[in-house]
Amino acid sequence: MMTRRLFVVVWLAGLLASACTNVKQVPDETAVRDIIETQNQELVECWNTGEYECVAAAFSEEGWQMMPNAQAQAGTEAIRRFWQQAFGWGQWEFSMETSLLEQSGPVAIERGKYTIRFAADVAAPPGRPSSQDRGNYVTHWRFDADGRWRIAAQALVSEVPARVVPAASAPSGMPPAQPPPSPPGVPEEIR
C-alpha cells in the first residue's frame, strides 16, 4: 500500500513538472523593453519606407490599429490594405518615443509620443492634403505563441486640433457634418 501511495505521489509530481515545461517562457522586463524598442524602430522604418506588409506583420492576427482621424482597422489584413492604400497617396514620415513600458507576463503596455508628417502627391484623395500631426499613443503588446511580441492594439491620439472644413468647401459627394441620429425613444432634451 505504501509503495502504491509513493508511486501516485511521484507520478503526480512528474505530471505537475511536465505541465510546467509547457509554460511560455517570457523574457525579463529589461529584455522586453529592448525587444519592443527594436520592434518600434523596425515599425517606424516600415512606415517611412512604405512597406505595408511589414507594418501589418507587427500586429497580432486580430490586432487593432486606431490612427488619428481614421476608422479603426481590425486584423492584419485590414491593416495591410489600409497602409497599402495610404502609402500610395504620398510620403509618410513617422517617429515614436516610448515614455513608459510596463510588462506583466505575456502582456506589455507602452505609452509614448509620436509625430507624423505626410506629403501628399497627385494620387492622394480629395480632402487629403499634406499634413503634420503629433500626439500620444498607447500600444498593447502581446507575446505570441511563436515567441514574438506583436501589437494587439494601438491607438494614436492627436494633440493637434482637427481641421474644420466649411460645408460649402467640403469635397463633392461628402455631406456636411451632421450629429449622429439619436436612437428611437430618446427624449429631445437628451439628444
C-alpha atoms as a PDB file:
ATOM      1  CA  MET A   1       0.000   0.000   0.000  1.00  0.00           C
ATOM      2  CA  MET A   2       2.812   2.394   0.929  1.00  0.00           C
ATOM      3  CA  THR A   3       4.554   1.643  -2.370  1.00  0.00           C
ATOM      4  CA  ARG A   4       1.386   2.445  -4.261  1.00  0.00           C
ATOM      5  CA  ARG A   5       0.971   5.827  -2.483  1.00  0.00           C
ATOM      6  CA  LEU A   6       4.598   6.651  -3.168  1.00  0.00           C
ATOM      7  CA  PHE A   7       4.064   5.751  -6.830  1.00  0.00           C
ATOM      8  CA  VAL A   8       0.984   8.021  -7.036  1.00  0.00           C
ATOM      9  CA  VAL A   9       2.839  10.917  -5.364  1.00  0.00           C
ATOM     10  CA  VAL A  10       5.835  10.535  -7.693  1.00  0.00           C
ATOM     11  CA  TRP A  11       3.530  10.229 -10.706  1.00  0.00           C
ATOM     12  CA  LEU A  12       1.598  13.401  -9.720  1.00  0.00           C
ATOM     13  CA  ALA A  13       4.853  15.286  -9.138  1.00  0.00           C
ATOM     14  CA  GLY A  14       6.077  14.217 -12.582  1.00  0.00           C
ATOM     15  CA  LEU A  15       2.797  15.237 -14.165  1.00  0.00           C
ATOM     16  CA  LEU A  16       2.954  18.632 -12.465  1.00  0.00           C
ATOM     17  CA  ALA A  17       6.574  19.136 -13.539  1.00  0.00           C
ATOM     18  CA  SER A  18       5.772  18.247 -17.155  1.00  0.00           C
ATOM     19  CA  ALA A  19       2.864  20.703 -17.172  1.00  0.00           C
ATOM     20  CA  CYS A  20       5.223  23.462 -16.050  1.00  0.00           C
ATOM     21  CA  THR A  21       7.520  22.889 -19.035  1.00  0.00           C
ATOM     22  CA  ASN A  22       4.687  23.890 -21.396  1.00  0.00           C
ATOM     23  CA  VAL A  23       4.510  27.396 -19.911  1.00  0.00           C
ATOM     24  CA  LYS A  24       5.544  30.096 -22.368  1.00  0.00           C
ATOM     25  CA  GLN A  25       8.938  31.495 -21.394  1.00  0.00           C
ATOM     26  CA  VAL A  26       8.655  35.295 -21.373  1.00  0.00           C
ATOM     27  CA  PRO A  27      11.856  37.370 -21.340  1.00  0.00           C
ATOM     28  CA  ASP A  28      12.530  39.557 -18.294  1.00  0.00           C
ATOM     29  CA  GLU A  29      11.411  43.208 -18.187  1.00  0.00           C
ATOM     30  CA  THR A  30      14.745  44.686 -19.337  1.00  0.00           C
ATOM     31  CA  ALA A  31      14.911  42.321 -22.289  1.00  0.00           C
ATOM     32  CA  VAL A  32      11.274  43.049 -23.172  1.00  0.00           C
ATOM     33  CA  ARG A  33      11.941  46.810 -23.242  1.00  0.00           C
ATOM     34  CA  ASP A  34      14.923  46.280 -25.572  1.00  0.00           C
ATOM     35  CA  ILE A  35      12.892  43.949 -27.824  1.00  0.00           C
ATOM     36  CA  ILE A  36       9.927  46.330 -28.062  1.00  0.00           C
ATOM     37  CA  GLU A  37      12.158  49.363 -28.696  1.00  0.00           C
ATOM     38  CA  THR A  38      13.843  47.422 -31.522  1.00  0.00           C
ATOM     39  CA  GLN A  39      10.449  46.428 -32.940  1.00  0.00           C
ATOM     40  CA  ASN A  40       9.285  50.071 -32.741  1.00  0.00           C
ATOM     41  CA  GLN A  41      12.377  51.132 -34.717  1.00  0.00           C
ATOM     42  CA  GLU A  42      11.563  48.478 -37.322  1.00  0.00           C
ATOM     43  CA  LEU A  43       7.905  49.601 -37.464  1.00  0.00           C
ATOM     44  CA  VAL A  44       8.900  53.266 -37.921  1.00  0.00           C
ATOM     45  CA  GLU A  45      11.289  52.221 -40.697  1.00  0.00           C
ATOM     46  CA  CYS A  46       8.453  50.235 -42.353  1.00  0.00           C
ATOM     47  CA  TRP A  47       6.163  53.283 -42.223  1.00  0.00           C
ATOM     48  CA  ASN A  48       8.873  55.623 -43.511  1.00  0.00           C
ATOM     49  CA  THR A  49       9.749  53.352 -46.452  1.00  0.00           C
ATOM     50  CA  GLY A  50       6.156  52.465 -47.376  1.00  0.00           C
ATOM     51  CA  GLU A  51       6.365  48.735 -46.591  1.00  0.00           C
ATOM     52  CA  TYR A  52       2.738  47.875 -45.815  1.00  0.00           C
ATOM     53  CA  GLU A  53       3.391  44.111 -45.387  1.00  0.00           C
ATOM     54  CA  CYS A  54       5.995  44.941 -42.749  1.00  0.00           C
ATOM     55  CA  VAL A  55       3.569  47.263 -40.902  1.00  0.00           C
ATOM     56  CA  ALA A  56       0.860  44.583 -40.846  1.00  0.00           C
ATOM     57  CA  ALA A  57       3.347  41.951 -39.614  1.00  0.00           C
ATOM     58  CA  ALA A  58       3.943  43.981 -36.429  1.00  0.00           C
ATOM     59  CA  PHE A  59       0.330  43.241 -35.354  1.00  0.00           C
ATOM     60  CA  SER A  60      -1.215  40.071 -33.995  1.00  0.00           C
ATOM     61  CA  GLU A  61      -3.675  38.339 -36.323  1.00  0.00           C
ATOM     62  CA  GLU A  62      -6.646  40.002 -34.569  1.00  0.00           C
ATOM     63  CA  GLY A  63      -4.773  43.239 -33.746  1.00  0.00           C
ATOM     64  CA  TRP A  64      -6.358  46.681 -33.917  1.00  0.00           C
ATOM     65  CA  GLN A  65      -4.821  49.923 -35.150  1.00  0.00           C
ATOM     66  CA  MET A  66      -6.554  53.220 -34.455  1.00  0.00           C
ATOM     67  CA  MET A  67      -4.897  56.093 -36.309  1.00  0.00           C
ATOM     68  CA  PRO A  68      -5.923  59.731 -35.763  1.00  0.00           C
ATOM     69  CA  ASN A  69      -8.934  60.811 -37.836  1.00  0.00           C
ATOM     70  CA  ALA A  70      -9.358  57.391 -39.445  1.00  0.00           C
ATOM     71  CA  GLN A  71     -11.555  54.353 -38.945  1.00  0.00           C
ATOM     72  CA  ALA A  72     -10.124  51.610 -36.754  1.00  0.00           C
ATOM     73  CA  GLN A  73      -8.507  48.760 -38.671  1.00  0.00           C
ATOM     74  CA  ALA A  74      -9.120  45.304 -37.179  1.00  0.00           C
ATOM     75  CA  GLY A  75      -6.923  42.375 -38.178  1.00  0.00           C
ATOM     76  CA  THR A  76      -3.670  42.202 -40.086  1.00  0.00           C
ATOM     77  CA  GLU A  77      -5.420  42.020 -43.462  1.00  0.00           C
ATOM     78  CA  ALA A  78      -7.351  45.277 -42.852  1.00  0.00           C
ATOM     79  CA  ILE A  79      -4.194  46.963 -41.549  1.00  0.00           C
ATOM     80  CA  ARG A  80      -2.252  45.787 -44.611  1.00  0.00           C
ATOM     81  CA  ARG A  81      -4.934  47.069 -47.019  1.00  0.00           C
ATOM     82  CA  PHE A  82      -5.171  50.430 -45.202  1.00  0.00           C
ATOM     83  CA  TRP A  83      -1.423  51.057 -45.413  1.00  0.00           C
ATOM     84  CA  GLN A  84      -1.126  49.730 -48.973  1.00  0.00           C
ATOM     85  CA  GLN A  85      -3.660  52.376 -49.993  1.00  0.00           C
ATOM     86  CA  ALA A  86      -2.281  55.153 -47.741  1.00  0.00           C
ATOM     87  CA  PHE A  87       1.312  54.655 -48.932  1.00  0.00           C
ATOM     88  CA  GLY A  88       0.041  55.257 -52.481  1.00  0.00           C
ATOM     89  CA  TRP A  89      -1.151  58.763 -51.510  1.00  0.00           C
ATOM     90  CA  GLY A  90       2.301  60.197 -50.804  1.00  0.00           C
ATOM     91  CA  GLN A  91       5.286  60.059 -48.456  1.00  0.00           C
ATOM     92  CA  TRP A  92       4.855  59.305 -44.741  1.00  0.00           C
ATOM     93  CA  GLU A  93       7.379  60.108 -42.022  1.00  0.00           C
ATOM     94  CA  PHE A  94       6.800  58.730 -38.518  1.00  0.00           C
ATOM     95  CA  SER A  95       8.657  58.984 -35.248  1.00  0.00           C
ATOM     96  CA  MET A  96       7.846  57.391 -31.897  1.00  0.00           C
ATOM     97  CA  GLU A  97       9.348  57.850 -28.448  1.00  0.00           C
ATOM     98  CA  THR A  98       8.470  55.481 -25.609  1.00  0.00           C
ATOM     99  CA  SER A  99       7.920  57.180 -22.269  1.00  0.00           C
ATOM    100  CA  LEU A 100       6.574  54.204 -20.302  1.00  0.00           C
ATOM    101  CA  LEU A 101       6.601  50.443 -20.753  1.00  0.00           C
ATOM    102  CA  GLU A 102       5.051  48.096 -18.210  1.00  0.00           C
ATOM    103  CA  GLN A 103       5.056  44.326 -18.565  1.00  0.00           C
ATOM    104  CA  SER A 104       3.176  41.582 -16.785  1.00  0.00           C
ATOM    105  CA  GLY A 105       3.959  38.128 -18.138  1.00  0.00           C
ATOM    106  CA  PRO A 106       2.998  37.871 -21.816  1.00  0.00           C
ATOM    107  CA  VAL A 107       1.414  41.367 -21.912  1.00  0.00           C
ATOM    108  CA  ALA A 108       3.089  44.769 -22.098  1.00  0.00           C
ATOM    109  CA  ILE A 109       1.597  48.259 -22.258  1.00  0.00           C
ATOM    110  CA  GLU A 110       3.557  51.072 -23.854  1.00  0.00           C
ATOM    111  CA  ARG A 111       2.826  54.790 -23.754  1.00  0.00           C
ATOM    112  CA  GLY A 112       4.686  57.475 -25.652  1.00  0.00           C
ATOM    113  CA  LYS A 113       4.735  60.395 -28.077  1.00  0.00           C
ATOM    114  CA  TYR A 114       4.523  60.271 -31.861  1.00  0.00           C
ATOM    115  CA  THR A 115       4.861  62.609 -34.830  1.00  0.00           C
ATOM    116  CA  ILE A 116       3.577  62.048 -38.353  1.00  0.00           C
ATOM    117  CA  ARG A 117       4.395  64.098 -41.436  1.00  0.00           C
ATOM    118  CA  PHE A 118       2.508  63.349 -44.629  1.00  0.00           C
ATOM    119  CA  ALA A 119       3.443  64.839 -48.017  1.00  0.00           C
ATOM    120  CA  ALA A 120       0.511  64.284 -50.373  1.00  0.00           C
ATOM    121  CA  ASP A 121       1.086  63.628 -54.059  1.00  0.00           C
ATOM    122  CA  VAL A 122      -1.326  63.624 -57.005  1.00  0.00           C
ATOM    123  CA  ALA A 123      -2.689  60.178 -56.027  1.00  0.00           C
ATOM    124  CA  ALA A 124      -3.973  61.472 -52.659  1.00  0.00           C
ATOM    125  CA  PRO A 125      -7.774  61.591 -52.454  1.00  0.00           C
ATOM    126  CA  PRO A 126      -9.519  64.980 -52.473  1.00  0.00           C
ATOM    127  CA  GLY A 127      -9.600  66.406 -48.976  1.00  0.00           C
ATOM    128  CA  ARG A 128      -6.346  64.613 -48.005  1.00  0.00           C
ATOM    129  CA  PRO A 129      -3.725  67.378 -48.159  1.00  0.00           C
ATOM    130  CA  SER A 130      -0.190  67.262 -46.816  1.00  0.00           C
ATOM    131  CA  SER A 131      -0.268  67.411 -43.030  1.00  0.00           C
ATOM    132  CA  GLN A 132       1.649  67.157 -39.786  1.00  0.00           C
ATOM    133  CA  ASP A 133       0.409  65.581 -36.596  1.00  0.00           C
ATOM    134  CA  ARG A 134       1.744  64.908 -33.133  1.00  0.00           C
ATOM    135  CA  GLY A 135       0.276  63.338 -30.045  1.00  0.00           C
ATOM    136  CA  ASN A 136       0.319  60.463 -27.607  1.00  0.00           C
ATOM    137  CA  TYR A 137      -0.004  56.756 -28.246  1.00  0.00           C
ATOM    138  CA  VAL A 138      -0.803  53.630 -26.285  1.00  0.00           C
ATOM    139  CA  THR A 139       0.231  50.204 -27.554  1.00  0.00           C
ATOM    140  CA  HIS A 140      -0.895  46.887 -26.052  1.00  0.00           C
ATOM    141  CA  TRP A 141       1.756  44.289 -26.837  1.00  0.00           C
ATOM    142  CA  ARG A 142       1.254  40.532 -26.514  1.00  0.00           C
ATOM    143  CA  PHE A 143       3.861  37.756 -26.528  1.00  0.00           C
ATOM    144  CA  ASP A 144       2.509  35.401 -29.210  1.00  0.00           C
ATOM    145  CA  ALA A 145       2.784  31.617 -29.328  1.00  0.00           C
ATOM    146  CA  ASP A 146       5.549  31.923 -31.945  1.00  0.00           C
ATOM    147  CA  GLY A 147       7.749  33.686 -29.363  1.00  0.00           C
ATOM    148  CA  ARG A 148       7.437  37.194 -30.826  1.00  0.00           C
ATOM    149  CA  TRP A 149       5.979  40.348 -29.283  1.00  0.00           C
ATOM    150  CA  ARG A 150       3.174  41.663 -31.500  1.00  0.00           C
ATOM    151  CA  ILE A 151       0.801  44.588 -31.250  1.00  0.00           C
ATOM    152  CA  ALA A 152      -2.670  43.576 -30.039  1.00  0.00           C
ATOM    153  CA  ALA A 153      -3.975  47.166 -30.137  1.00  0.00           C
ATOM    154  CA  GLN A 154      -2.503  50.565 -30.893  1.00  0.00           C
ATOM    155  CA  ALA A 155      -4.191  53.950 -30.558  1.00  0.00           C
ATOM    156  CA  LEU A 156      -2.652  57.256 -31.621  1.00  0.00           C
ATOM    157  CA  VAL A 157      -4.367  60.293 -30.082  1.00  0.00           C
ATOM    158  CA  SER A 158      -3.658  63.627 -31.731  1.00  0.00           C
ATOM    159  CA  GLU A 159      -2.817  66.812 -29.827  1.00  0.00           C
ATOM    160  CA  VAL A 160      -3.396  68.862 -32.988  1.00  0.00           C
ATOM    161  CA  PRO A 161      -6.836  70.481 -33.296  1.00  0.00           C
ATOM    162  CA  ALA A 162      -8.916  68.973 -36.094  1.00  0.00           C
ATOM    163  CA  ARG A 163      -9.165  70.891 -39.360  1.00  0.00           C
ATOM    164  CA  VAL A 164     -12.604  72.374 -39.836  1.00  0.00           C
ATOM    165  CA  VAL A 165     -13.847  72.241 -43.414  1.00  0.00           C
ATOM    166  CA  PRO A 166     -16.797  74.576 -44.022  1.00  0.00           C
ATOM    167  CA  ALA A 167     -19.788  72.780 -45.552  1.00  0.00           C
ATOM    168  CA  ALA A 168     -19.533  74.887 -48.719  1.00  0.00           C
ATOM    169  CA  SER A 169     -15.981  73.675 -49.366  1.00  0.00           C
ATOM    170  CA  ALA A 170     -16.464  70.021 -48.430  1.00  0.00           C
ATOM    171  CA  PRO A 171     -15.393  67.680 -51.250  1.00  0.00           C
ATOM    172  CA  SER A 172     -18.247  66.714 -53.577  1.00  0.00           C
ATOM    173  CA  GLY A 173     -20.089  63.611 -52.568  1.00  0.00           C
ATOM    174  CA  MET A 174     -19.496  64.310 -48.883  1.00  0.00           C
ATOM    175  CA  PRO A 175     -22.432  65.727 -46.950  1.00  0.00           C
ATOM    176  CA  PRO A 176     -21.757  68.405 -44.346  1.00  0.00           C
ATOM    177  CA  ALA A 177     -21.017  67.050 -40.894  1.00  0.00           C
ATOM    178  CA  GLN A 178     -24.190  66.147 -39.030  1.00  0.00           C
ATOM    179  CA  PRO A 179     -24.637  64.866 -35.498  1.00  0.00           C
ATOM    180  CA  PRO A 180     -25.403  61.141 -35.415  1.00  0.00           C
ATOM    181  CA  PRO A 181     -29.084  60.268 -35.231  1.00  0.00           C
ATOM    182  CA  SER A 182     -30.485  59.577 -31.770  1.00  0.00           C
ATOM    183  CA  PRO A 183     -31.859  56.125 -31.061  1.00  0.00           C
ATOM    184  CA  PRO A 184     -35.650  55.881 -31.135  1.00  0.00           C
ATOM    185  CA  GLY A 185     -37.331  56.788 -27.870  1.00  0.00           C
ATOM    186  CA  VAL A 186     -34.594  59.148 -26.639  1.00  0.00           C
ATOM    187  CA  PRO A 187     -36.218  62.341 -25.254  1.00  0.00           C
ATOM    188  CA  GLU A 188     -35.483  65.571 -27.174  1.00  0.00           C
ATOM    189  CA  GLU A 189     -33.660  67.224 -24.233  1.00  0.00           C
ATOM    190  CA  ILE A 190     -31.110  64.374 -24.155  1.00  0.00           C
ATOM    191  CA  ARG A 191     -30.376  64.500 -27.893  1.00  0.00           C
END
